[in-house]
Each structure stands twice: as structure tokens, then as C-alpha cells.
């Protein structure tokens, strides 16, 4: 199996796995809308989901890791593009995979403990308050700051760098690079949703752009994967 074929296959697997698991979480846990609910409601729903929900969150976190080999292989496939652009794309892609994994991994490991503690019969009001503060801190730090802010930012920068590399390469039609450059700013704007004056409640425009960016990005990855396989 050549590098280009492996790259094409992983480019197909990544968006399919991500969107499938995201849809399953939406159906079984009302994610991400549930994050706007009170902490006790989120933890009650999580506890009710049992081991199946924990495993689903684990799989979703692991799907973020798939971006790491994709980033490496895309750079390795576009051999006729500028080496500096390819090296930067690899580094930023690895960072994007790392921060998105760190943002999601709290769900299968830290949140189950908080859900059990909240549901315990002997939990005092003071302990409930501590659980809520801990959950919201993890949500703001790992979820919003690391997973979303840095995740969207690095994903946007990686998409832009791959777009540039595609324009420099003769492997595929330049339209693939142009689409990447169009999608990239949507992620960068989305990363600003809770920055500065928007920190308390979020920037509505950024929150609207992120789902659109991921839909377009998923279709772009699928198209890239098919194109790599066809031209291999």
C-alpha cells in the first residue's frame, strides 16, 4: 500500500468516524445542546447513560487522534509542495489532534467520577457545590479553552497550510486548495467564541460558524480522500 493510498483511506475514515460518533452522542446524550443545561442535569443524564455512554465518549476522543496520522501523511503525500509549508502543516496538525483529544478525554475519565459522586446518597450540599465547581472548571478549561479555542484555531491553521500546499502541488486540481483556504477562516473565527468580551456568554456569530465549518471540512476531507485514491 502506497503512502498516497493510505492517506486517502484515512481521509475517508476521519470524517466518517467523527460525524458518526458525534451523531450518536447527540441522540443518546443531547450533545452539545446539553452543555447549556445545569450541571446536575448533565451529570444525571451522564450517569443514566452507563458504560455505553462512557465508551462512546472514549471513542469520540480517540477519533480526534486520527487527525495526527492524517496530518503526517498529507504532508508526506504532497512531496512537490514547499518543504517549509509541509513541515508547518505537520506540526500544526499534530497540535490540533492533541488539543482536541485533551479537550474531549475528560468525558470518559473525569466526568464518570463526578457523576457517581453527585448521585451518591450521602453527598452533602457542600460536596454538590464542589462537584459543580469542578465540572464547570473542567468544562471551561479543557472543553472551551483547550478543546474548542485551541482546537478550532489549530484546525483552521492546518487547513490553510494544506490548502497552500495543494495549490503548490501538481497532484490535485487547485480547487481543493482554494476550498481549504475558504474553510480555514471559519475555524479561526469560531475559536474566538469565548475570547475577551465574549467570555461570559459566547459570540453568537462564531458559534453559528463552527458547525458550518465542520460540515464543509468533513466534505472537503472526503473529497480529498477520494481524489488521492483515484490519482494513486
C-alpha atoms as a PDB file:
ATOM      1  CA  UNK A   1       0.000   0.000   0.000  1.00  0.00           C
ATOM      2  CA  UNK A   2       1.473   3.351  -1.025  1.00  0.00           C
ATOM      3  CA  UNK A   3       1.575   6.465   1.155  1.00  0.00           C
ATOM      4  CA  UNK A   4      -0.965   8.163  -1.096  1.00  0.00           C
ATOM      5  CA  UNK A   5      -3.440   5.284  -0.845  1.00  0.00           C
ATOM      6  CA  UNK A   6      -3.096   5.142   2.958  1.00  0.00           C
ATOM      7  CA  UNK A   7      -3.585   8.910   3.108  1.00  0.00           C
ATOM      8  CA  UNK A   8      -6.729   8.658   1.005  1.00  0.00           C
ATOM      9  CA  UNK A   9      -8.172   5.913   3.194  1.00  0.00           C
ATOM     10  CA  UNK A  10      -7.534   7.801   6.436  1.00  0.00           C
ATOM     11  CA  UNK A  11      -9.015  10.969   4.919  1.00  0.00           C
ATOM     12  CA  UNK A  12     -12.211   8.975   4.403  1.00  0.00           C
ATOM     13  CA  UNK A  13     -12.167   7.317   7.827  1.00  0.00           C
ATOM     14  CA  UNK A  14     -11.622  10.521   9.844  1.00  0.00           C
ATOM     15  CA  UNK A  15     -14.768  12.493   8.875  1.00  0.00           C
ATOM     16  CA  UNK A  16     -16.951   9.373   8.825  1.00  0.00           C
ATOM     17  CA  UNK A  17     -15.851   8.327  12.335  1.00  0.00           C
ATOM     18  CA  UNK A  18     -16.113  11.864  13.724  1.00  0.00           C
ATOM     19  CA  UNK A  19     -19.578  12.578  12.337  1.00  0.00           C
ATOM     20  CA  UNK A  20     -20.950   9.124  13.189  1.00  0.00           C
ATOM     21  CA  UNK A  21     -19.834   9.375  16.821  1.00  0.00           C
ATOM     22  CA  UNK A  22     -20.968  12.994  17.081  1.00  0.00           C
ATOM     23  CA  UNK A  23     -24.425  11.986  15.824  1.00  0.00           C
ATOM     24  CA  UNK A  24     -24.591   9.087  18.281  1.00  0.00           C
ATOM     25  CA  UNK A  25     -23.715  11.426  21.163  1.00  0.00           C
ATOM     26  CA  UNK A  26     -26.388  13.835  20.019  1.00  0.00           C
ATOM     27  CA  UNK A  27     -29.027  11.113  20.047  1.00  0.00           C
ATOM     28  CA  UNK A  28     -28.048   9.435  23.310  1.00  0.00           C
ATOM     29  CA  UNK A  29     -26.839  12.435  25.326  1.00  0.00           C
ATOM     30  CA  UNK A  30     -28.279  15.503  23.542  1.00  0.00           C
ATOM     31  CA  UNK A  31     -24.728  16.740  22.932  1.00  0.00           C
ATOM     32  CA  UNK A  32     -23.739  19.552  22.508  1.00  0.00           C
ATOM     33  CA  UNK A  33     -27.024  21.270  23.466  1.00  0.00           C
ATOM     34  CA  UNK A  34     -26.954  19.624  26.909  1.00  0.00           C
ATOM     35  CA  UNK A  35     -23.896  21.708  27.861  1.00  0.00           C
ATOM     36  CA  UNK A  36     -26.217  24.687  28.319  1.00  0.00           C
ATOM     37  CA  UNK A  37     -28.177  22.807  30.985  1.00  0.00           C
ATOM     38  CA  UNK A  38     -27.483  22.968  34.754  1.00  0.00           C
ATOM     39  CA  UNK A  39     -24.605  20.807  35.969  1.00  0.00           C
ATOM     40  CA  UNK A  40     -26.821  18.437  37.981  1.00  0.00           C
ATOM     41  CA  UNK A  41     -28.931  17.738  34.886  1.00  0.00           C
ATOM     42  CA  UNK A  42     -25.822  16.989  32.755  1.00  0.00           C
ATOM     43  CA  UNK A  43     -24.382  14.627  35.369  1.00  0.00           C
ATOM     44  CA  UNK A  44     -27.726  12.864  35.884  1.00  0.00           C
ATOM     45  CA  UNK A  45     -28.022  12.256  32.125  1.00  0.00           C
ATOM     46  CA  UNK A  46     -24.410  11.080  32.012  1.00  0.00           C
ATOM     47  CA  UNK A  47     -24.926   8.623  34.871  1.00  0.00           C
ATOM     48  CA  UNK A  48     -28.080   7.309  33.200  1.00  0.00           C
ATOM     49  CA  UNK A  49     -26.088   6.581  30.041  1.00  0.00           C
ATOM     50  CA  UNK A  50     -23.962   3.982  31.842  1.00  0.00           C
ATOM     51  CA  UNK A  51     -20.890   2.293  30.403  1.00  0.00           C
ATOM     52  CA  UNK A  52     -22.173   2.592  26.839  1.00  0.00           C
ATOM     53  CA  UNK A  53     -22.052   6.401  27.032  1.00  0.00           C
ATOM     54  CA  UNK A  54     -18.592   6.329  28.624  1.00  0.00           C
ATOM     55  CA  UNK A  55     -17.294   4.133  25.800  1.00  0.00           C
ATOM     56  CA  UNK A  56     -18.951   6.374  23.240  1.00  0.00           C
ATOM     57  CA  UNK A  57     -17.133   9.380  24.670  1.00  0.00           C
ATOM     58  CA  UNK A  58     -13.873   7.424  24.680  1.00  0.00           C
ATOM     59  CA  UNK A  59     -14.331   6.561  21.011  1.00  0.00           C
ATOM     60  CA  UNK A  60     -15.148  10.190  20.177  1.00  0.00           C
ATOM     61  CA  UNK A  61     -11.990  11.358  21.950  1.00  0.00           C
ATOM     62  CA  UNK A  62      -9.945   8.764  20.065  1.00  0.00           C
ATOM     63  CA  UNK A  63     -11.416   9.949  16.750  1.00  0.00           C
ATOM     64  CA  UNK A  64      -9.665  13.277  17.351  1.00  0.00           C
ATOM     65  CA  UNK A  65      -6.347  11.402  17.435  1.00  0.00           C
ATOM     66  CA  UNK A  66      -6.916  10.296  13.830  1.00  0.00           C
ATOM     67  CA  UNK A  67      -6.036  13.816  12.699  1.00  0.00           C
ATOM     68  CA  UNK A  68      -2.417  13.200  13.764  1.00  0.00           C
ATOM     69  CA  UNK A  69      -1.598  10.476  11.201  1.00  0.00           C
ATOM     70  CA  UNK A  70      -3.701  12.308   8.616  1.00  0.00           C
ATOM     71  CA  UNK A  71      -1.600  15.448   9.078  1.00  0.00           C
ATOM     72  CA  UNK A  72       1.645  13.491   8.751  1.00  0.00           C
ATOM     73  CA  UNK A  73       0.519  11.539   5.695  1.00  0.00           C
ATOM     74  CA  UNK A  74      -0.964  14.506   3.827  1.00  0.00           C
ATOM     75  CA  UNK A  75       2.353  16.336   4.149  1.00  0.00           C
ATOM     76  CA  UNK A  76       4.220  13.203   3.058  1.00  0.00           C
ATOM     77  CA  UNK A  77       1.964  12.814   0.014  1.00  0.00           C
ATOM     78  CA  UNK A  78       2.291  16.387  -1.285  1.00  0.00           C
ATOM     79  CA  UNK A  79       6.003  15.910  -1.957  1.00  0.00           C
ATOM     80  CA  UNK A  80       6.215  18.630  -4.611  1.00  0.00           C
ATOM     81  CA  UNK A  81       4.927  21.384  -2.296  1.00  0.00           C
ATOM     82  CA  UNK A  82       7.192  23.739  -0.350  1.00  0.00           C
ATOM     83  CA  UNK A  83       9.030  21.739   2.381  1.00  0.00           C
ATOM     84  CA  UNK A  84       8.575  24.515   4.949  1.00  0.00           C
ATOM     85  CA  UNK A  85       4.800  24.631   4.371  1.00  0.00           C
ATOM     86  CA  UNK A  86       4.622  20.846   4.650  1.00  0.00           C
ATOM     87  CA  UNK A  87       6.641  20.825   7.885  1.00  0.00           C
ATOM     88  CA  UNK A  88       4.467  23.551   9.412  1.00  0.00           C
ATOM     89  CA  UNK A  89       1.317  21.722   8.358  1.00  0.00           C
ATOM     90  CA  UNK A  90       2.547  18.551  10.042  1.00  0.00           C
ATOM     91  CA  UNK A  91       3.405  20.343  13.299  1.00  0.00           C
ATOM     92  CA  UNK A  92       0.136  22.293  13.459  1.00  0.00           C
ATOM     93  CA  UNK A  93      -1.903  19.221  12.527  1.00  0.00           C
ATOM     94  CA  UNK A  94      -0.333  17.251  15.363  1.00  0.00           C
ATOM     95  CA  UNK A  95      -1.104  20.086  17.786  1.00  0.00           C
ATOM     96  CA  UNK A  96      -4.711  20.220  16.554  1.00  0.00           C
ATOM     97  CA  UNK A  97      -5.130  16.495  17.189  1.00  0.00           C
ATOM     98  CA  UNK A  98      -3.529  16.759  20.646  1.00  0.00           C
ATOM     99  CA  UNK A  99      -5.589  19.665  21.977  1.00  0.00           C
ATOM    100  CA  UNK A 100      -8.867  18.274  20.662  1.00  0.00           C
ATOM    101  CA  UNK A 101      -8.096  14.934  22.330  1.00  0.00           C
ATOM    102  CA  UNK A 102      -7.232  16.679  25.615  1.00  0.00           C
ATOM    103  CA  UNK A 103     -10.465  18.644  25.413  1.00  0.00           C
ATOM    104  CA  UNK A 104     -12.604  15.517  24.966  1.00  0.00           C
ATOM    105  CA  UNK A 105     -10.824  12.983  27.166  1.00  0.00           C
ATOM    106  CA  UNK A 106     -12.284  14.457  30.359  1.00  0.00           C
ATOM    107  CA  UNK A 107     -15.629  12.870  29.442  1.00  0.00           C
ATOM    108  CA  UNK A 108     -14.655   9.169  29.629  1.00  0.00           C
ATOM    109  CA  UNK A 109     -12.320   9.575  32.635  1.00  0.00           C
ATOM    110  CA  UNK A 110     -13.120  12.588  34.872  1.00  0.00           C
ATOM    111  CA  UNK A 111     -16.866  13.071  34.328  1.00  0.00           C
ATOM    112  CA  UNK A 112     -17.870   9.481  35.303  1.00  0.00           C
ATOM    113  CA  UNK A 113     -16.363  10.044  38.757  1.00  0.00           C
ATOM    114  CA  UNK A 114     -18.183  13.368  39.158  1.00  0.00           C
ATOM    115  CA  UNK A 115     -21.465  11.770  38.037  1.00  0.00           C
ATOM    116  CA  UNK A 116     -21.090   8.948  40.586  1.00  0.00           C
ATOM    117  CA  UNK A 117     -20.200  11.403  43.350  1.00  0.00           C
ATOM    118  CA  UNK A 118     -23.195  13.589  42.527  1.00  0.00           C
ATOM    119  CA  UNK A 119     -25.560  10.596  42.580  1.00  0.00           C
ATOM    120  CA  UNK A 120     -24.278   9.188  45.896  1.00  0.00           C
ATOM    121  CA  UNK A 121     -26.905   9.128  48.638  1.00  0.00           C
ATOM    122  CA  UNK A 122     -24.561  10.628  51.247  1.00  0.00           C
ATOM    123  CA  UNK A 123     -23.465  13.595  49.127  1.00  0.00           C
ATOM    124  CA  UNK A 124     -23.836  16.814  51.120  1.00  0.00           C
ATOM    125  CA  UNK A 125     -24.849  20.223  49.701  1.00  0.00           C
ATOM    126  CA  UNK A 126     -21.249  21.387  50.130  1.00  0.00           C
ATOM    127  CA  UNK A 127     -20.000  18.383  48.168  1.00  0.00           C
ATOM    128  CA  UNK A 128     -22.582  19.057  45.441  1.00  0.00           C
ATOM    129  CA  UNK A 129     -21.254  22.609  45.182  1.00  0.00           C
ATOM    130  CA  UNK A 130     -17.672  21.336  44.928  1.00  0.00           C
ATOM    131  CA  UNK A 131     -18.717  18.891  42.193  1.00  0.00           C
ATOM    132  CA  UNK A 132     -20.370  21.680  40.232  1.00  0.00           C
ATOM    133  CA  UNK A 133     -17.320  23.953  40.501  1.00  0.00           C
ATOM    134  CA  UNK A 134     -15.034  21.093  39.430  1.00  0.00           C
ATOM    135  CA  UNK A 135     -17.224  20.157  36.462  1.00  0.00           C
ATOM    136  CA  UNK A 136     -17.561  23.735  35.246  1.00  0.00           C
ATOM    137  CA  UNK A 137     -13.830  24.339  35.669  1.00  0.00           C
ATOM    138  CA  UNK A 138     -13.012  21.260  33.594  1.00  0.00           C
ATOM    139  CA  UNK A 139     -15.598  22.344  31.043  1.00  0.00           C
ATOM    140  CA  UNK A 140     -14.187  25.876  30.747  1.00  0.00           C
ATOM    141  CA  UNK A 141     -10.538  24.885  30.801  1.00  0.00           C
ATOM    142  CA  UNK A 142     -10.354  21.596  28.896  1.00  0.00           C
ATOM    143  CA  UNK A 143     -13.535  21.974  26.881  1.00  0.00           C
ATOM    144  CA  UNK A 144     -13.672  25.652  25.923  1.00  0.00           C
ATOM    145  CA  UNK A 145     -10.044  26.806  26.189  1.00  0.00           C
ATOM    146  CA  UNK A 146      -8.096  23.710  25.104  1.00  0.00           C
ATOM    147  CA  UNK A 147     -10.514  21.663  23.000  1.00  0.00           C
ATOM    148  CA  UNK A 148     -12.508  24.413  21.319  1.00  0.00           C
ATOM    149  CA  UNK A 149     -10.374  27.566  21.290  1.00  0.00           C
ATOM    150  CA  UNK A 150      -7.030  25.912  20.510  1.00  0.00           C
ATOM    151  CA  UNK A 151      -8.657  23.030  18.643  1.00  0.00           C
ATOM    152  CA  UNK A 152     -10.554  25.263  16.225  1.00  0.00           C
ATOM    153  CA  UNK A 153      -7.581  27.612  15.844  1.00  0.00           C
ATOM    154  CA  UNK A 154      -5.050  24.881  15.038  1.00  0.00           C
ATOM    155  CA  UNK A 155      -7.514  23.051  12.781  1.00  0.00           C
ATOM    156  CA  UNK A 156      -8.074  26.267  10.836  1.00  0.00           C
ATOM    157  CA  UNK A 157      -4.348  26.952  10.504  1.00  0.00           C
ATOM    158  CA  UNK A 158      -3.684  23.341   9.430  1.00  0.00           C
ATOM    159  CA  UNK A 159      -6.467  23.573   6.834  1.00  0.00           C
ATOM    160  CA  UNK A 160      -4.987  26.797   5.469  1.00  0.00           C
ATOM    161  CA  UNK A 161      -1.476  25.313   5.250  1.00  0.00           C
ATOM    162  CA  UNK A 162      -2.772  22.203   3.486  1.00  0.00           C
ATOM    163  CA  UNK A 163      -4.681  24.498   1.132  1.00  0.00           C
ATOM    164  CA  UNK A 164      -1.460  26.323   0.276  1.00  0.00           C
ATOM    165  CA  UNK A 165       0.396  23.025  -0.182  1.00  0.00           C
ATOM    166  CA  UNK A 166      -2.343  21.747  -2.502  1.00  0.00           C
ATOM    167  CA  UNK A 167      -2.052  24.899  -4.622  1.00  0.00           C
ATOM    168  CA  UNK A 168       1.713  24.405  -4.845  1.00  0.00           C
ATOM    169  CA  UNK A 169       1.390  20.728  -5.723  1.00  0.00           C
ATOM    170  CA  UNK A 170       0.529  19.313  -9.140  1.00  0.00           C
ATOM    171  CA  UNK A 171      -1.095  16.221  -7.639  1.00  0.00           C
ATOM    172  CA  UNK A 172      -4.697  17.503  -7.473  1.00  0.00           C
ATOM    173  CA  UNK A 173      -6.812  20.249  -9.026  1.00  0.00           C
ATOM    174  CA  UNK A 174      -6.162  23.709  -7.467  1.00  0.00           C
ATOM    175  CA  UNK A 175      -9.825  23.895  -6.418  1.00  0.00           C
ATOM    176  CA  UNK A 176      -9.027  21.568  -3.493  1.00  0.00           C
ATOM    177  CA  UNK A 177      -6.545  24.122  -2.172  1.00  0.00           C
ATOM    178  CA  UNK A 178      -8.940  27.021  -2.697  1.00  0.00           C
ATOM    179  CA  UNK A 179     -11.679  25.258  -0.716  1.00  0.00           C
ATOM    180  CA  UNK A 180      -9.232  24.682   2.153  1.00  0.00           C
ATOM    181  CA  UNK A 181      -8.326  28.373   2.203  1.00  0.00           C
ATOM    182  CA  UNK A 182     -12.025  29.317   2.259  1.00  0.00           C
ATOM    183  CA  UNK A 183     -12.801  26.973   5.164  1.00  0.00           C
ATOM    184  CA  UNK A 184      -9.802  27.938   7.301  1.00  0.00           C
ATOM    185  CA  UNK A 185     -11.030  31.419   8.404  1.00  0.00           C
ATOM    186  CA  UNK A 186     -14.316  29.918   9.621  1.00  0.00           C
ATOM    187  CA  UNK A 187     -12.413  27.853  12.194  1.00  0.00           C
ATOM    188  CA  UNK A 188     -10.273  30.817  13.226  1.00  0.00           C
ATOM    189  CA  UNK A 189     -13.375  32.959  13.793  1.00  0.00           C
ATOM    190  CA  UNK A 190     -15.014  30.057  15.641  1.00  0.00           C
ATOM    191  CA  UNK A 191     -12.033  29.882  18.000  1.00  0.00           C
ATOM    192  CA  UNK A 192     -12.914  33.384  19.235  1.00  0.00           C
ATOM    193  CA  UNK A 193     -16.358  32.387  20.522  1.00  0.00           C
ATOM    194  CA  UNK A 194     -15.432  32.815  24.207  1.00  0.00           C
ATOM    195  CA  UNK A 195     -12.486  35.207  23.925  1.00  0.00           C
ATOM    196  CA  UNK A 196     -12.342  38.621  25.634  1.00  0.00           C
ATOM    197  CA  UNK A 197     -15.731  40.365  25.867  1.00  0.00           C
ATOM    198  CA  UNK A 198     -17.462  37.189  24.632  1.00  0.00           C
ATOM    199  CA  UNK A 199     -16.171  35.059  27.543  1.00  0.00           C
ATOM    200  CA  UNK A 200     -19.346  35.072  29.696  1.00  0.00           C
ATOM    201  CA  UNK A 201     -21.915  34.037  27.091  1.00  0.00           C
ATOM    202  CA  UNK A 202     -20.105  33.438  23.818  1.00  0.00           C
ATOM    203  CA  UNK A 203     -20.103  35.185  20.440  1.00  0.00           C
ATOM    204  CA  UNK A 204     -23.212  34.055  18.579  1.00  0.00           C
ATOM    205  CA  UNK A 205     -21.707  34.510  15.112  1.00  0.00           C
ATOM    206  CA  UNK A 206     -18.718  32.310  15.969  1.00  0.00           C
ATOM    207  CA  UNK A 207     -20.991  29.666  17.460  1.00  0.00           C
ATOM    208  CA  UNK A 208     -23.015  29.635  14.237  1.00  0.00           C
ATOM    209  CA  UNK A 209     -19.952  29.343  12.007  1.00  0.00           C
ATOM    210  CA  UNK A 210     -18.366  26.334  13.725  1.00  0.00           C
ATOM    211  CA  UNK A 211     -20.989  23.712  12.712  1.00  0.00           C
ATOM    212  CA  UNK A 212     -20.925  25.035   9.149  1.00  0.00           C
ATOM    213  CA  UNK A 213     -17.126  24.888   9.158  1.00  0.00           C
ATOM    214  CA  UNK A 214     -17.122  21.248  10.298  1.00  0.00           C
ATOM    215  CA  UNK A 215     -19.697  20.235   7.699  1.00  0.00           C
ATOM    216  CA  UNK A 216     -17.658  21.867   4.938  1.00  0.00           C
ATOM    217  CA  UNK A 217     -14.419  20.474   6.377  1.00  0.00           C
ATOM    218  CA  UNK A 218     -15.805  16.927   6.517  1.00  0.00           C
ATOM    219  CA  UNK A 219     -16.920  17.110   2.886  1.00  0.00           C
ATOM    220  CA  UNK A 220     -13.524  18.555   1.915  1.00  0.00           C
ATOM    221  CA  UNK A 221     -11.672  15.709   3.648  1.00  0.00           C
ATOM    222  CA  UNK A 222     -13.900  13.136   1.957  1.00  0.00           C
ATOM    223  CA  UNK A 223     -13.318  14.744  -1.437  1.00  0.00           C
ATOM    224  CA  UNK A 224      -9.554  14.834  -0.790  1.00  0.00           C
ATOM    225  CA  UNK A 225      -9.564  11.189   0.222  1.00  0.00           C
ATOM    226  CA  UNK A 226     -11.410  10.148  -2.931  1.00  0.00           C
ATOM    227  CA  UNK A 227      -9.122  12.291  -5.102  1.00  0.00           C
ATOM    228  CA  UNK A 228      -5.986  10.787  -3.539  1.00  0.00           C
ATOM    229  CA  UNK A 229      -7.286   7.272  -4.139  1.00  0.00           C
ATOM    230  CA  UNK A 230      -8.348   7.979  -7.716  1.00  0.00           C
ATOM    231  CA  UNK A 231      -4.986   9.530  -8.659  1.00  0.00           C
ATOM    232  CA  UNK A 232      -2.853   6.929  -6.861  1.00  0.00           C
END
